[in-house]
Amino acid sequence: MIDRLTLAFFFRAPSDFSPKMTQNNINFYRWCPIFSLGITFWIYTNEQMFNNKIEPINSPQAVRKSFHLITNLNFGELQYFQKKILMVLAAYIGLFVLVEMYLRYEKRQRKNEVSF
């Protein structure tokens, strides 16, 4: 009973499905590969998981190190798949920046056009 009442109270009108909603989703989802590749690279550089590097626990209150710091990362010692992920991430960020610059240029050009 409560769930039906809550549904009727909060969702009185259907959502506005318009081209603007689609464009907002496109603008949001184009950032996803950057975050996904960044998190994937971060996971693959986990020393505890892949290199079995573990700090012993001396006391229950001791802070345990995860060895998951960017300062600990030596790019010369990266494994093959880590280098590939890093290259793909760098290429995608470069491509993303170029596309963003082009889209902003096109938007500026359309704004400056004079219609007769």
N, C-alpha and C. Protein backbone atom coordinates (compact mmCIF):
# COMPACT_ATOMS: atom_id res chain seq x y z
N MET A 1 0.82 -1.19 0.00
CA MET A 1 0.00 0.00 0.00
C MET A 1 0.87 1.26 0.00
N ILE A 2 1.87 1.28 0.88
CA ILE A 2 2.73 2.46 0.99
C ILE A 2 3.53 2.66 -0.29
N ASP A 3 4.01 1.57 -0.88
CA ASP A 3 4.81 1.73 -2.09
C ASP A 3 3.97 2.28 -3.24
N ARG A 4 2.71 1.89 -3.34
CA ARG A 4 1.84 2.42 -4.40
C ARG A 4 1.53 3.89 -4.16
N LEU A 5 1.28 4.23 -2.92
CA LEU A 5 1.00 5.62 -2.57
C LEU A 5 2.23 6.49 -2.85
N THR A 6 3.39 6.02 -2.46
CA THR A 6 4.63 6.77 -2.71
C THR A 6 4.88 6.93 -4.21
N LEU A 7 4.66 5.86 -4.96
CA LEU A 7 4.84 5.93 -6.41
C LEU A 7 3.88 6.94 -7.03
N ALA A 8 2.61 6.93 -6.60
CA ALA A 8 1.63 7.87 -7.14
C ALA A 8 1.94 9.30 -6.73
N PHE A 9 2.50 9.48 -5.53
CA PHE A 9 2.79 10.83 -5.04
C PHE A 9 4.00 11.44 -5.76
N PHE A 10 5.07 10.65 -5.92
CA PHE A 10 6.30 11.20 -6.47
C PHE A 10 6.34 11.20 -8.00
N PHE A 11 5.62 10.33 -8.64
CA PHE A 11 5.67 10.22 -10.09
C PHE A 11 4.30 10.50 -10.69
N ARG A 12 3.85 11.71 -10.52
CA ARG A 12 2.53 12.09 -11.03
C ARG A 12 2.54 12.23 -12.55
N ALA A 13 3.56 12.85 -13.07
CA ALA A 13 3.65 13.07 -14.52
C ALA A 13 4.81 12.24 -15.08
N PRO A 14 4.66 11.74 -16.29
CA PRO A 14 5.77 10.98 -16.87
C PRO A 14 6.97 11.89 -17.16
N SER A 15 8.11 11.28 -17.26
CA SER A 15 9.34 12.02 -17.56
C SER A 15 9.26 12.64 -18.94
N ASP A 16 9.99 13.72 -19.10
CA ASP A 16 10.02 14.40 -20.38
C ASP A 16 11.10 13.76 -21.25
N PHE A 17 10.68 12.95 -22.21
CA PHE A 17 11.62 12.31 -23.13
C PHE A 17 11.79 13.22 -24.33
N SER A 18 12.88 13.92 -24.35
CA SER A 18 13.11 14.89 -25.42
C SER A 18 14.53 14.71 -25.95
N PRO A 19 14.82 15.35 -27.07
CA PRO A 19 16.20 15.29 -27.58
C PRO A 19 17.22 15.86 -26.61
N LYS A 20 16.81 16.81 -25.77
CA LYS A 20 17.73 17.37 -24.79
C LYS A 20 18.16 16.31 -23.77
N MET A 21 17.24 15.44 -23.39
CA MET A 21 17.57 14.35 -22.47
C MET A 21 18.58 13.41 -23.10
N THR A 22 18.40 13.11 -24.36
CA THR A 22 19.34 12.26 -25.07
C THR A 22 20.70 12.91 -25.16
N GLN A 23 20.74 14.19 -25.47
CA GLN A 23 22.01 14.91 -25.56
C GLN A 23 22.71 14.98 -24.21
N ASN A 24 21.95 15.16 -23.14
CA ASN A 24 22.55 15.16 -21.80
C ASN A 24 23.18 13.81 -21.47
N ASN A 25 22.50 12.72 -21.86
CA ASN A 25 23.07 11.39 -21.64
C ASN A 25 24.35 11.19 -22.44
N ILE A 26 24.36 11.64 -23.68
CA ILE A 26 25.56 11.52 -24.50
C ILE A 26 26.71 12.31 -23.88
N ASN A 27 26.42 13.52 -23.42
CA ASN A 27 27.45 14.34 -22.79
C ASN A 27 27.99 13.69 -21.52
N PHE A 28 27.11 13.03 -20.77
CA PHE A 28 27.53 12.37 -19.54
C PHE A 28 28.35 11.10 -19.83
N TYR A 29 27.87 10.28 -20.74
CA TYR A 29 28.50 8.98 -20.97
C TYR A 29 29.81 9.04 -21.75
N ARG A 30 30.14 10.15 -22.35
CA ARG A 30 31.42 10.19 -23.04
C ARG A 30 32.59 10.30 -22.07
N TRP A 31 32.32 10.60 -20.80
CA TRP A 31 33.35 10.61 -19.78
C TRP A 31 33.62 9.22 -19.20
N CYS A 32 32.70 8.30 -19.39
CA CYS A 32 32.81 6.97 -18.77
C CYS A 32 34.07 6.20 -19.15
N PRO A 33 34.48 6.16 -20.42
CA PRO A 33 35.71 5.40 -20.73
C PRO A 33 36.95 5.94 -20.04
N ILE A 34 37.03 7.24 -19.85
CA ILE A 34 38.20 7.81 -19.17
C ILE A 34 38.25 7.32 -17.72
N PHE A 35 37.13 7.40 -17.03
CA PHE A 35 37.10 6.93 -15.64
C PHE A 35 37.31 5.43 -15.57
N SER A 36 36.70 4.69 -16.50
CA SER A 36 36.84 3.24 -16.49
C SER A 36 38.28 2.81 -16.73
N LEU A 37 38.94 3.40 -17.70
CA LEU A 37 40.34 3.04 -17.96
C LEU A 37 41.25 3.47 -16.82
N GLY A 38 40.97 4.62 -16.23
CA GLY A 38 41.77 5.07 -15.09
C GLY A 38 41.64 4.14 -13.90
N ILE A 39 40.42 3.73 -13.60
CA ILE A 39 40.20 2.81 -12.48
C ILE A 39 40.81 1.44 -12.79
N THR A 40 40.70 0.99 -14.04
CA THR A 40 41.29 -0.29 -14.43
C THR A 40 42.80 -0.26 -14.25
N PHE A 41 43.44 0.82 -14.68
CA PHE A 41 44.89 0.95 -14.50
C PHE A 41 45.24 0.96 -13.02
N TRP A 42 44.45 1.66 -12.23
CA TRP A 42 44.69 1.71 -10.79
C TRP A 42 44.58 0.32 -10.18
N ILE A 43 43.59 -0.46 -10.60
CA ILE A 43 43.42 -1.81 -10.08
C ILE A 43 44.60 -2.69 -10.47
N TYR A 44 45.04 -2.60 -11.72
CA TYR A 44 46.12 -3.46 -12.18
C TYR A 44 47.48 -3.09 -11.58
N THR A 45 47.58 -1.93 -10.96
CA THR A 45 48.83 -1.57 -10.28
C THR A 45 48.78 -1.90 -8.80
N ASN A 46 47.80 -2.68 -8.38
CA ASN A 46 47.66 -3.08 -6.99
C ASN A 46 48.77 -4.07 -6.65
N GLU A 47 49.67 -3.65 -5.79
CA GLU A 47 50.82 -4.46 -5.40
C GLU A 47 50.39 -5.68 -4.59
N GLN A 48 49.39 -5.55 -3.76
CA GLN A 48 48.95 -6.66 -2.93
C GLN A 48 48.34 -7.78 -3.77
N MET A 49 47.57 -7.40 -4.77
CA MET A 49 46.85 -8.40 -5.55
C MET A 49 47.74 -9.11 -6.58
N PHE A 50 48.58 -8.36 -7.27
CA PHE A 50 49.31 -8.93 -8.38
C PHE A 50 50.76 -9.28 -8.09
N ASN A 51 51.37 -8.61 -7.12
CA ASN A 51 52.77 -8.88 -6.81
C ASN A 51 52.96 -9.50 -5.43
N ASN A 52 51.86 -9.79 -4.75
CA ASN A 52 51.91 -10.44 -3.45
C ASN A 52 52.73 -9.66 -2.43
N LYS A 53 52.64 -8.35 -2.47
CA LYS A 53 53.38 -7.49 -1.54
C LYS A 53 52.44 -7.14 -0.38
N ILE A 54 52.72 -7.69 0.78
CA ILE A 54 51.85 -7.52 1.94
C ILE A 54 52.67 -7.08 3.14
N GLU A 55 52.16 -6.12 3.86
CA GLU A 55 52.82 -5.67 5.10
C GLU A 55 52.19 -6.42 6.27
N PRO A 56 52.99 -7.02 7.12
CA PRO A 56 52.43 -7.77 8.25
C PRO A 56 51.68 -6.86 9.23
N ILE A 57 50.68 -7.43 9.86
CA ILE A 57 49.88 -6.70 10.85
C ILE A 57 50.54 -6.87 12.21
N ASN A 58 50.98 -5.76 12.80
CA ASN A 58 51.64 -5.81 14.11
C ASN A 58 50.65 -5.65 15.26
N SER A 59 49.62 -4.84 15.05
CA SER A 59 48.61 -4.64 16.08
C SER A 59 47.28 -4.34 15.40
N PRO A 60 46.17 -4.55 16.09
CA PRO A 60 44.86 -4.27 15.46
C PRO A 60 44.65 -2.80 15.12
N GLN A 61 45.33 -1.90 15.82
CA GLN A 61 45.16 -0.47 15.57
C GLN A 61 46.10 0.06 14.50
N ALA A 62 47.02 -0.74 14.05
CA ALA A 62 48.01 -0.28 13.08
C ALA A 62 47.35 0.00 11.73
N VAL A 63 47.81 1.04 11.10
CA VAL A 63 47.32 1.39 9.77
C VAL A 63 48.07 0.53 8.76
N ARG A 64 47.33 -0.17 7.93
CA ARG A 64 47.96 -1.05 6.95
C ARG A 64 48.18 -0.31 5.64
N LYS A 65 49.34 -0.48 5.07
CA LYS A 65 49.65 0.15 3.79
C LYS A 65 49.12 -0.70 2.65
N SER A 66 48.59 -0.05 1.64
CA SER A 66 48.08 -0.79 0.48
C SER A 66 49.09 -0.78 -0.67
N PHE A 67 50.13 0.04 -0.57
CA PHE A 67 51.12 0.19 -1.64
C PHE A 67 50.45 0.60 -2.94
N HIS A 68 49.41 1.39 -2.83
CA HIS A 68 48.63 1.80 -3.99
C HIS A 68 48.79 3.29 -4.24
N LEU A 69 50.01 3.76 -4.25
CA LEU A 69 50.28 5.17 -4.42
C LEU A 69 50.91 5.42 -5.79
N ILE A 70 50.59 6.54 -6.38
CA ILE A 70 51.16 6.87 -7.69
C ILE A 70 52.66 7.12 -7.55
N THR A 71 53.11 7.52 -6.36
CA THR A 71 54.54 7.75 -6.17
C THR A 71 55.32 6.43 -6.12
N ASN A 72 54.64 5.32 -5.79
CA ASN A 72 55.29 4.01 -5.78
C ASN A 72 55.38 3.39 -7.17
N LEU A 73 54.75 3.99 -8.13
CA LEU A 73 54.67 3.41 -9.46
C LEU A 73 55.93 3.71 -10.26
N ASN A 74 56.62 2.68 -10.68
CA ASN A 74 57.80 2.81 -11.52
C ASN A 74 57.39 2.37 -12.92
N PHE A 75 57.32 3.31 -13.85
CA PHE A 75 56.80 3.01 -15.18
C PHE A 75 57.69 2.04 -15.95
N GLY A 76 58.94 1.92 -15.58
CA GLY A 76 59.82 0.96 -16.24
C GLY A 76 59.54 -0.48 -15.84
N GLU A 77 58.92 -0.66 -14.68
CA GLU A 77 58.64 -2.01 -14.19
C GLU A 77 57.19 -2.46 -14.42
N LEU A 78 56.44 -1.72 -15.21
CA LEU A 78 55.06 -2.11 -15.47
C LEU A 78 55.01 -3.39 -16.29
N GLN A 79 54.01 -4.19 -16.02
CA GLN A 79 53.82 -5.40 -16.79
C GLN A 79 53.18 -5.06 -18.13
N TYR A 80 53.15 -6.05 -19.02
CA TYR A 80 52.70 -5.84 -20.39
C TYR A 80 51.28 -5.27 -20.44
N PHE A 81 50.34 -5.88 -19.73
CA PHE A 81 48.95 -5.42 -19.79
C PHE A 81 48.78 -4.06 -19.14
N GLN A 82 49.60 -3.74 -18.15
CA GLN A 82 49.53 -2.42 -17.53
C GLN A 82 49.98 -1.34 -18.50
N LYS A 83 51.03 -1.63 -19.27
CA LYS A 83 51.49 -0.68 -20.28
C LYS A 83 50.44 -0.47 -21.36
N LYS A 84 49.78 -1.56 -21.77
CA LYS A 84 48.74 -1.44 -22.80
C LYS A 84 47.57 -0.61 -22.31
N ILE A 85 47.14 -0.85 -21.07
CA ILE A 85 46.02 -0.07 -20.52
C ILE A 85 46.41 1.41 -20.42
N LEU A 86 47.63 1.68 -19.99
CA LEU A 86 48.09 3.06 -19.88
C LEU A 86 48.16 3.73 -21.25
N MET A 87 48.60 3.00 -22.27
CA MET A 87 48.65 3.56 -23.63
C MET A 87 47.24 3.83 -24.15
N VAL A 88 46.32 2.92 -23.93
CA VAL A 88 44.94 3.13 -24.37
C VAL A 88 44.33 4.31 -23.64
N LEU A 89 44.58 4.42 -22.34
CA LEU A 89 44.08 5.55 -21.57
C LEU A 89 44.63 6.87 -22.11
N ALA A 90 45.91 6.92 -22.37
CA ALA A 90 46.52 8.15 -22.90
C ALA A 90 45.97 8.47 -24.28
N ALA A 91 45.81 7.45 -25.13
CA ALA A 91 45.26 7.68 -26.48
C ALA A 91 43.82 8.16 -26.40
N TYR A 92 43.04 7.57 -25.52
CA TYR A 92 41.64 7.98 -25.41
C TYR A 92 41.53 9.40 -24.86
N ILE A 93 42.35 9.74 -23.89
CA ILE A 93 42.31 11.11 -23.36
C ILE A 93 42.71 12.10 -24.44
N GLY A 94 43.74 11.77 -25.22
CA GLY A 94 44.13 12.64 -26.33
C GLY A 94 43.02 12.80 -27.35
N LEU A 95 42.40 11.70 -27.72
CA LEU A 95 41.29 11.74 -28.67
C LEU A 95 40.11 12.52 -28.09
N PHE A 96 39.84 12.31 -26.82
CA PHE A 96 38.75 13.02 -26.17
C PHE A 96 38.99 14.53 -26.18
N VAL A 97 40.21 14.94 -25.90
CA VAL A 97 40.53 16.37 -25.90
C VAL A 97 40.36 16.95 -27.30
N LEU A 98 40.83 16.22 -28.32
CA LEU A 98 40.67 16.71 -29.69
C LEU A 98 39.20 16.82 -30.10
N VAL A 99 38.40 15.83 -29.75
CA VAL A 99 36.98 15.88 -30.08
C VAL A 99 36.29 17.02 -29.35
N GLU A 100 36.63 17.21 -28.08
CA GLU A 100 36.05 18.31 -27.31
C GLU A 100 36.40 19.66 -27.94
N MET A 101 37.66 19.82 -28.34
CA MET A 101 38.07 21.07 -28.97
C MET A 101 37.30 21.29 -30.28
N TYR A 102 37.15 20.23 -31.06
CA TYR A 102 36.42 20.34 -32.32
C TYR A 102 34.95 20.69 -32.08
N LEU A 103 34.31 20.03 -31.11
CA LEU A 103 32.91 20.31 -30.83
C LEU A 103 32.70 21.74 -30.34
N ARG A 104 33.61 22.22 -29.53
CA ARG A 104 33.50 23.61 -29.07
C ARG A 104 33.72 24.60 -30.22
N TYR A 105 34.65 24.25 -31.12
CA TYR A 105 34.89 25.09 -32.30
C TYR A 105 33.64 25.13 -33.17
N GLU A 106 33.03 23.97 -33.41
CA GLU A 106 31.82 23.90 -34.22
C GLU A 106 30.68 24.68 -33.57
N LYS A 107 30.54 24.57 -32.28
CA LYS A 107 29.49 25.30 -31.57
C LYS A 107 29.71 26.80 -31.68
N ARG A 108 30.95 27.23 -31.57
CA ARG A 108 31.27 28.65 -31.70
C ARG A 108 30.99 29.14 -33.12
N GLN A 109 31.30 28.29 -34.11
CA GLN A 109 31.05 28.67 -35.50
C GLN A 109 29.55 28.80 -35.77
N ARG A 110 28.76 27.86 -35.24
CA ARG A 110 27.29 27.94 -35.43
C ARG A 110 26.73 29.16 -34.73
N LYS A 111 27.30 29.54 -33.60
CA LYS A 111 26.81 30.70 -32.88
C LYS A 111 27.12 31.99 -33.64
N ASN A 112 28.26 32.02 -34.34
CA ASN A 112 28.67 33.22 -35.06
C ASN A 112 28.10 33.30 -36.47
N GLU A 113 27.38 32.28 -36.94
CA GLU A 113 26.81 32.31 -38.28
C GLU A 113 25.71 33.35 -38.34
N VAL A 114 25.63 33.99 -39.48
CA VAL A 114 24.59 34.97 -39.71
C VAL A 114 23.56 34.32 -40.63
N SER A 115 22.30 34.31 -40.21
CA SER A 115 21.25 33.73 -41.05
C SER A 115 20.54 34.84 -41.80
N PHE A 116 20.25 34.56 -43.07
CA PHE A 116 19.59 35.56 -43.92
C PHE A 116 18.14 35.26 -44.05
